[in-house]
């Protein structure tokens, strides 16, 4: 799953060019080689536009390679209020879990940055724009 390319920033498919190699920057309009953007920490090398990234990508950017250990992976959202809007909260959660690949809007864990141990939590904008639910609470 790609956290950096949304349908509005995806480049049109050209004949003979594999899909997913190029992307268009929504800020400057430049066509960018996706690998270059990834190596630049999801920042456009032309205009410095920051692409939205998920919590797991951010954790991998912050923590020393291979040191992040997720905590609370077994905690899942509950609908204590039985909230219903245009659709039920349970259905909304299932949809967001499928779209984002995450259980909720918060990813927490421990790892190392420059050899120093730490515990950190990162909100994921790809999960209901980081809405605060029972897990985040």
Protein backbone atom coordinates (compact mmCIF):
# COMPACT_ATOMS: atom_id res chain seq x y z
CA UNK A 1 0.00 0.00 0.00
CA UNK A 2 1.36 3.41 -0.89
CA UNK A 3 0.94 6.23 1.59
CA UNK A 4 2.32 8.89 -0.72
CA UNK A 5 0.15 8.68 -3.81
CA UNK A 6 -3.51 9.54 -3.73
CA UNK A 7 -5.76 9.29 -6.78
CA UNK A 8 -5.46 13.06 -7.28
CA UNK A 9 -1.64 12.90 -7.42
CA UNK A 10 -1.25 9.69 -9.41
CA UNK A 11 0.23 10.17 -12.85
CA UNK A 12 -1.78 9.03 -15.86
CA UNK A 13 -0.72 5.65 -17.26
CA UNK A 14 1.32 5.87 -20.46
CA UNK A 15 1.55 2.97 -22.90
CA UNK A 16 4.59 0.81 -22.20
CA UNK A 17 5.36 2.46 -18.84
CA UNK A 18 4.65 0.34 -15.75
CA UNK A 19 2.08 1.88 -13.42
CA UNK A 20 3.27 3.32 -10.13
CA UNK A 21 6.76 4.47 -11.16
CA UNK A 22 5.91 8.15 -11.60
CA UNK A 23 3.78 10.62 -9.69
CA UNK A 24 2.78 14.24 -10.13
CA UNK A 25 3.42 16.77 -7.40
CA UNK A 26 0.13 18.52 -6.58
CA UNK A 27 1.97 21.70 -5.59
CA UNK A 28 4.35 22.35 -8.51
CA UNK A 29 2.96 19.91 -11.09
CA UNK A 30 6.33 18.27 -11.80
CA UNK A 31 6.41 14.62 -12.81
CA UNK A 32 8.51 12.82 -10.22
CA UNK A 33 10.13 9.43 -10.16
CA UNK A 34 8.43 7.83 -7.15
CA UNK A 35 11.66 6.24 -5.88
CA UNK A 36 13.33 9.67 -5.73
CA UNK A 37 10.43 11.03 -3.65
CA UNK A 38 10.62 8.03 -1.30
CA UNK A 39 14.37 8.50 -0.87
CA UNK A 40 13.68 12.17 -0.11
CA UNK A 41 11.38 11.18 2.81
CA UNK A 42 8.18 11.81 0.78
CA UNK A 43 9.14 15.42 -0.04
CA UNK A 44 9.07 16.79 -3.59
CA UNK A 45 12.66 17.51 -4.65
CA UNK A 46 11.46 20.39 -6.85
CA UNK A 47 9.29 22.47 -4.52
CA UNK A 48 9.63 20.80 -1.08
CA UNK A 49 5.93 19.84 -0.96
CA UNK A 50 5.40 17.23 1.78
CA UNK A 51 3.24 14.30 0.71
CA UNK A 52 0.92 12.79 3.30
CA UNK A 53 2.40 9.65 4.83
CA UNK A 54 1.07 7.02 7.17
CA UNK A 55 2.19 6.34 10.71
CA UNK A 56 4.22 3.23 9.78
CA UNK A 57 6.20 5.14 7.17
CA UNK A 58 6.85 7.90 9.72
CA UNK A 59 7.99 5.36 12.33
CA UNK A 60 10.39 3.83 9.82
CA UNK A 61 11.73 7.28 8.98
CA UNK A 62 12.24 8.20 12.64
CA UNK A 63 13.53 4.99 14.21
CA UNK A 64 16.86 3.36 13.59
CA UNK A 65 16.43 0.67 10.95
CA UNK A 66 14.71 -2.46 12.23
CA UNK A 67 14.29 -1.24 15.82
CA UNK A 68 10.60 -0.27 15.91
CA UNK A 69 8.46 -2.70 17.95
CA UNK A 70 4.73 -2.02 17.89
CA UNK A 71 2.90 -1.89 21.21
CA UNK A 72 -0.85 -2.37 21.79
CA UNK A 73 -1.33 -4.14 18.42
CA UNK A 74 -4.14 -6.18 19.95
CA UNK A 75 -6.18 -3.10 20.99
CA UNK A 76 -9.10 -2.48 18.63
CA UNK A 77 -11.76 0.24 18.57
CA UNK A 78 -15.10 -0.32 20.27
CA UNK A 79 -18.37 1.50 19.73
CA UNK A 80 -19.44 2.14 23.32
CA UNK A 81 -21.89 4.88 22.29
CA UNK A 82 -23.51 2.83 19.47
CA UNK A 83 -23.01 5.91 17.30
CA UNK A 84 -24.82 6.10 13.96
CA UNK A 85 -24.42 8.87 11.39
CA UNK A 86 -24.93 8.22 7.68
CA UNK A 87 -23.64 4.75 8.49
CA UNK A 88 -22.84 2.98 11.71
CA UNK A 89 -19.54 3.62 13.46
CA UNK A 90 -18.71 -0.09 13.25
CA UNK A 91 -19.13 -0.02 9.45
CA UNK A 92 -17.09 3.18 9.23
CA UNK A 93 -14.29 1.59 11.28
CA UNK A 94 -14.26 -1.53 9.07
CA UNK A 95 -14.05 0.62 5.94
CA UNK A 96 -11.18 2.68 7.37
CA UNK A 97 -9.33 -0.44 8.51
CA UNK A 98 -9.58 -1.88 5.02
CA UNK A 99 -8.50 1.38 3.31
CA UNK A 100 -5.58 2.16 5.61
CA UNK A 101 -4.45 -1.32 6.63
CA UNK A 102 -4.39 -0.13 10.25
CA UNK A 103 -6.65 -1.01 13.19
CA UNK A 104 -6.97 2.61 14.33
CA UNK A 105 -5.55 6.12 13.93
CA UNK A 106 -2.70 5.68 16.40
CA UNK A 107 0.46 3.60 16.09
CA UNK A 108 2.54 3.30 19.25
CA UNK A 109 5.70 1.43 19.99
CA UNK A 110 9.26 1.48 21.15
CA UNK A 111 12.44 1.77 19.19
CA UNK A 112 15.72 3.58 18.97
CA UNK A 113 16.75 6.89 17.44
CA UNK A 114 20.52 7.23 17.04
CA UNK A 115 20.91 4.37 19.49
CA UNK A 116 18.78 5.94 22.19
CA UNK A 117 15.71 4.02 23.37
CA UNK A 118 12.33 5.70 23.24
CA UNK A 119 8.61 5.13 23.18
CA UNK A 120 6.60 7.07 20.63
CA UNK A 121 3.10 7.32 19.26
CA UNK A 122 2.20 8.63 15.82
CA UNK A 123 -1.24 9.59 14.52
CA UNK A 124 -2.11 8.21 11.08
CA UNK A 125 -3.86 10.72 8.79
CA UNK A 126 -4.89 7.88 6.48
CA UNK A 127 -7.26 6.53 9.15
CA UNK A 128 -10.25 8.89 9.37
CA UNK A 129 -7.80 11.82 9.31
CA UNK A 130 -6.53 10.70 12.73
CA UNK A 131 -9.95 10.92 14.38
CA UNK A 132 -9.85 10.30 18.08
CA UNK A 133 -11.67 7.13 18.95
CA UNK A 134 -11.46 4.68 21.83
CA UNK A 135 -7.98 3.41 20.90
CA UNK A 136 -6.45 6.87 20.51
CA UNK A 137 -8.07 7.88 23.80
